[in-house]
Amino acid sequence: MSIEAQLQQSMSNIPECLAAGVSDIETGMLLGVKTVDSHPTEVLELVAAATADLYQGSNVLSIERMFKKSRGIDESNDERYFQDMLITSKNLLHMFLRSRTNPNHVITIVCRGTANMGMVISKSRAALPAIEKLL
């Protein structure tokens, strides 16, 4: 199964899902995307770059270093602190999930703002292992 086919299948299980994608935050590349509407490539690539900023912006990395230091975790430990994020906008829910198997891969799910947040989180997390197998 292709990554796009798996994203499409996952979207059908997530309430009011409009789009799903996977990006590599180390390279900023979009690895796969599926949407109900067409979007210019530039917009989709910008979403991948913004996802990288969300997880690896300089302030985020500083926070992670501070948390490691305060918890006595060796700074050379590559374990990442921030995993899943839910961002609401005026009309949409944006769910970001860091891959458990490769912390440089982030799955993005976009749903209508009327979707039940708890169900979006639950169903998005349930879809993660099948998507990860294809990365």
Foldseek 3Di string as FASTA:
>chain_A
DALQVLQVVLQVQAPQWFKKWKEQLVVLGTPYMDGPDDDDPVVVSVVSPVVSCVQPPPVNVVVQQVVCVVVVHPPVPPDGDDAWDWDDDPFKIWIWGQQPVDRRMIMIIIGTPPGDPVRNVVSVVVSRVVSVVND
